Amino acid sequence: MKINISQLRKDAGGTQPFAIKTSASELGLDNPEAWDANMMIEGCVINKGMIYEVAGTIHATMKEYCSLCLEDMSVILDIPFSEEYREADCDEFHGNSVENSNHFDGDEIDIIDLIRENILLAAPIKPVCSQSCRGLCPECGINLNIHTCSCISTKIDPRLAVLEKLLSKD
């Protein structure tokens, strides 16, 4: 996933918009079937002289299960990103640290690692279908968003059971 900046190199201070359509398998993401087939990456490259800033937004949809009720759901992600790149030979010429910045060679900036990293960091660890999701009953396993059950949910920690005697009036 490369952005050609040959025209932008001639225009210090200029910007170049880009829009890329890609998929999870092209990005090398694990479990590509968990992602919608079409991901859209929109943004622009800004020529800041010796530095090129790549900024934009990744639009993706992730198919997942709710971590509380285990129902199918979709998570819509709009992930902003921004990163600066330098020409590889520019750092050697000016004596700058090579490890601290992103580099590119020629007239193309490869942003595949930037996109993959931002998607992985933005993907929810425990997705929830809604803030009011009640989950599953720990006793019978019924989905509490759809049905109610007659299970007694007030379990007392056995280490604190002795304290219950203090509350009883016997």
Protein backbone atom coordinates (compact mmCIF):
# COMPACT_ATOMS: atom_id res chain seq x y z
CA MET A 1 0.00 0.00 0.00
CA LYS A 2 2.11 2.82 -1.35
CA ILE A 3 1.44 6.49 -1.94
CA ASN A 4 3.27 8.08 -4.89
CA ILE A 5 4.58 11.53 -3.91
CA SER A 6 6.61 12.40 -7.01
CA GLN A 7 4.49 15.52 -7.73
CA LEU A 8 4.34 16.55 -4.07
CA ARG A 9 8.15 16.54 -3.73
CA LYS A 10 8.30 19.58 -6.02
CA ASP A 11 5.79 21.56 -3.90
CA ALA A 12 7.15 22.37 -0.42
CA GLY A 13 4.19 23.11 1.86
CA GLY A 14 1.77 21.40 -0.51
CA THR A 15 -0.69 18.63 0.22
CA GLN A 16 -1.75 15.56 -1.75
CA PRO A 17 -5.01 13.76 -0.89
CA PHE A 18 -5.34 10.00 -1.20
CA ALA A 19 -8.06 7.37 -0.91
CA ILE A 20 -7.25 3.65 -0.80
CA LYS A 21 -9.68 0.74 -0.75
CA THR A 22 -8.22 -2.39 0.86
CA SER A 23 -9.11 -5.55 2.77
CA ALA A 24 -7.97 -7.32 5.93
CA SER A 25 -6.14 -10.00 3.96
CA GLU A 26 -4.17 -7.36 2.00
CA LEU A 27 -3.14 -5.79 5.31
CA GLY A 28 -2.09 -9.16 6.72
CA LEU A 29 -4.52 -9.05 9.64
CA ASP A 30 -5.20 -12.26 11.54
CA ASN A 31 -8.69 -13.66 11.05
CA PRO A 32 -9.59 -11.67 7.89
CA GLU A 33 -13.14 -13.07 7.88
CA ALA A 34 -13.84 -11.07 11.04
CA TRP A 35 -13.55 -7.85 9.01
CA ASP A 36 -15.83 -6.40 6.37
CA ALA A 37 -14.42 -7.00 2.90
CA ASN A 38 -13.95 -3.30 2.14
CA MET A 39 -11.89 -0.97 4.27
CA MET A 40 -11.45 2.63 3.18
CA ILE A 41 -8.42 4.75 4.00
CA GLU A 42 -8.69 8.47 3.33
CA GLY A 43 -6.19 11.18 4.08
CA CYS A 44 -3.49 13.44 2.77
CA VAL A 45 0.27 13.76 2.63
CA ILE A 46 1.77 17.12 3.62
CA ASN A 47 5.20 18.15 2.36
CA LYS A 48 6.95 19.88 5.28
CA GLY A 49 10.28 20.27 3.51
CA MET A 50 12.39 17.30 4.57
CA ILE A 51 9.52 15.62 6.41
CA TYR A 52 6.30 14.25 4.89
CA GLU A 53 3.32 13.92 7.22
CA VAL A 54 0.75 11.25 6.37
CA ALA A 55 -2.58 11.78 8.16
CA GLY A 56 -6.09 10.53 7.68
CA THR A 57 -8.82 8.15 8.80
CA ILE A 58 -9.37 4.41 8.43
CA HIS A 59 -13.00 3.34 7.98
CA ALA A 60 -13.53 -0.34 8.85
CA THR A 61 -16.26 -2.64 10.12
CA MET A 62 -15.46 -5.56 12.39
CA LYS A 63 -17.80 -8.52 12.81
CA GLU A 64 -17.61 -9.71 16.40
CA TYR A 65 -19.51 -11.36 19.24
CA CYS A 66 -20.64 -9.38 22.28
CA SER A 67 -18.42 -10.33 25.19
CA LEU A 68 -21.42 -10.32 27.58
CA CYS A 69 -24.32 -11.95 25.71
CA LEU A 70 -22.43 -13.67 22.85
CA GLU A 71 -24.77 -12.25 20.16
CA ASP A 72 -23.43 -11.30 16.70
CA MET A 73 -22.66 -7.62 16.30
CA SER A 74 -20.77 -5.19 14.10
CA VAL A 75 -18.28 -2.64 15.37
CA ILE A 76 -17.83 0.39 13.12
CA LEU A 77 -14.36 1.86 13.50
CA ASP A 78 -13.26 5.32 12.32
CA ILE A 79 -9.60 5.38 13.25
CA PRO A 80 -7.55 8.57 12.89
CA PHE A 81 -3.84 8.24 12.15
CA SER A 82 -0.87 10.54 11.66
CA GLU A 83 2.79 9.76 11.10
CA GLU A 84 5.87 11.54 9.78
CA TYR A 85 8.28 10.09 7.22
CA ARG A 86 11.75 11.13 6.04
CA GLU A 87 13.77 10.15 3.04
CA ALA A 88 16.27 7.45 4.03
CA ASP A 89 19.30 9.22 2.55
CA CYS A 90 18.28 12.57 4.12
CA ASP A 91 19.06 11.36 7.68
CA GLU A 92 22.49 10.06 6.75
CA PHE A 93 23.35 13.35 5.05
CA HIS A 94 22.25 15.54 8.00
CA GLY A 95 23.45 13.17 10.76
CA ASN A 96 19.99 12.61 12.30
CA SER A 97 19.15 9.51 14.28
CA VAL A 98 17.96 6.74 11.97
CA GLU A 99 16.03 4.75 14.61
CA ASN A 100 13.68 7.54 15.70
CA SER A 101 11.85 8.20 12.46
CA ASN A 102 10.06 6.41 9.64
CA HIS A 103 11.82 6.27 6.31
CA PHE A 104 11.01 5.81 2.64
CA ASP A 105 13.04 5.42 -0.51
CA GLY A 106 12.27 6.89 -3.90
CA ASP A 107 8.94 8.47 -4.74
CA GLU A 108 6.66 6.18 -2.73
CA ILE A 109 5.74 6.02 0.95
CA ASP A 110 4.60 2.57 2.12
CA ILE A 111 1.91 2.98 4.81
CA ILE A 112 0.83 -0.66 5.23
CA ASP A 113 2.54 -1.03 8.64
CA LEU A 114 1.04 2.27 9.85
CA ILE A 115 -2.47 1.18 8.85
CA ARG A 116 -2.15 -2.35 10.28
CA GLU A 117 -0.81 -1.04 13.60
CA ASN A 118 -3.58 1.53 14.02
CA ILE A 119 -6.30 -1.02 13.23
CA LEU A 120 -4.92 -3.52 15.73
CA LEU A 121 -4.65 -0.87 18.44
CA ALA A 122 -8.19 0.41 17.84
CA ALA A 123 -9.95 -2.98 17.72
CA PRO A 124 -11.94 -3.45 20.95
CA ILE A 125 -10.65 -6.06 23.39
CA LYS A 126 -14.07 -6.78 24.91
CA PRO A 127 -16.74 -5.58 22.47
CA VAL A 128 -20.20 -4.98 23.92
CA CYS A 129 -23.37 -4.78 21.83
CA SER A 130 -24.78 -1.93 23.97
CA GLN A 131 -24.03 -0.17 27.23
CA SER A 132 -27.20 -1.68 28.72
CA CYS A 133 -26.35 -5.29 27.80
CA ARG A 134 -27.22 -7.55 30.74
CA GLY A 135 -25.26 -10.56 29.47
CA LEU A 136 -25.91 -14.21 30.29
CA CYS A 137 -27.21 -15.65 33.56
CA PRO A 138 -24.25 -17.23 35.37
CA GLU A 139 -26.47 -20.07 36.61
CA CYS A 140 -28.58 -21.19 33.63
CA GLY A 141 -26.90 -19.35 30.73
CA ILE A 142 -30.04 -17.66 29.38
CA ASN A 143 -29.62 -14.34 27.57
CA LEU A 144 -30.93 -11.79 30.09
CA ASN A 145 -31.56 -9.20 27.35
CA ILE A 146 -34.27 -11.42 25.85
CA HIS A 147 -35.64 -13.53 28.74
CA THR A 148 -35.75 -13.47 32.51
CA CYS A 149 -34.90 -16.45 34.66
CA SER A 150 -35.77 -17.54 38.19
CA CYS A 151 -32.21 -18.25 39.28
CA ILE A 152 -31.10 -16.83 42.61
CA SER A 153 -28.29 -14.47 41.82
CA THR A 154 -27.39 -13.46 45.35
CA LYS A 155 -24.47 -15.74 46.09
CA ILE A 156 -22.61 -14.96 49.26
CA ASP A 157 -18.88 -15.30 49.40
CA PRO A 158 -18.22 -18.19 51.85
CA ARG A 159 -15.48 -16.15 53.54
CA LEU A 160 -18.05 -13.49 54.46
CA ALA A 161 -20.94 -15.83 55.34
CA VAL A 162 -20.20 -15.45 59.06
CA LEU A 163 -20.98 -11.73 58.81
CA GLU A 164 -24.51 -12.55 57.63
CA LYS A 165 -25.26 -13.79 61.14
CA LEU A 166 -24.68 -10.28 62.45
CA LEU A 167 -27.44 -8.96 60.21
CA SER A 168 -30.00 -11.59 61.19
CA LYS A 169 -32.27 -10.79 64.17
CA ASP A 170 -32.34 -14.32 65.64
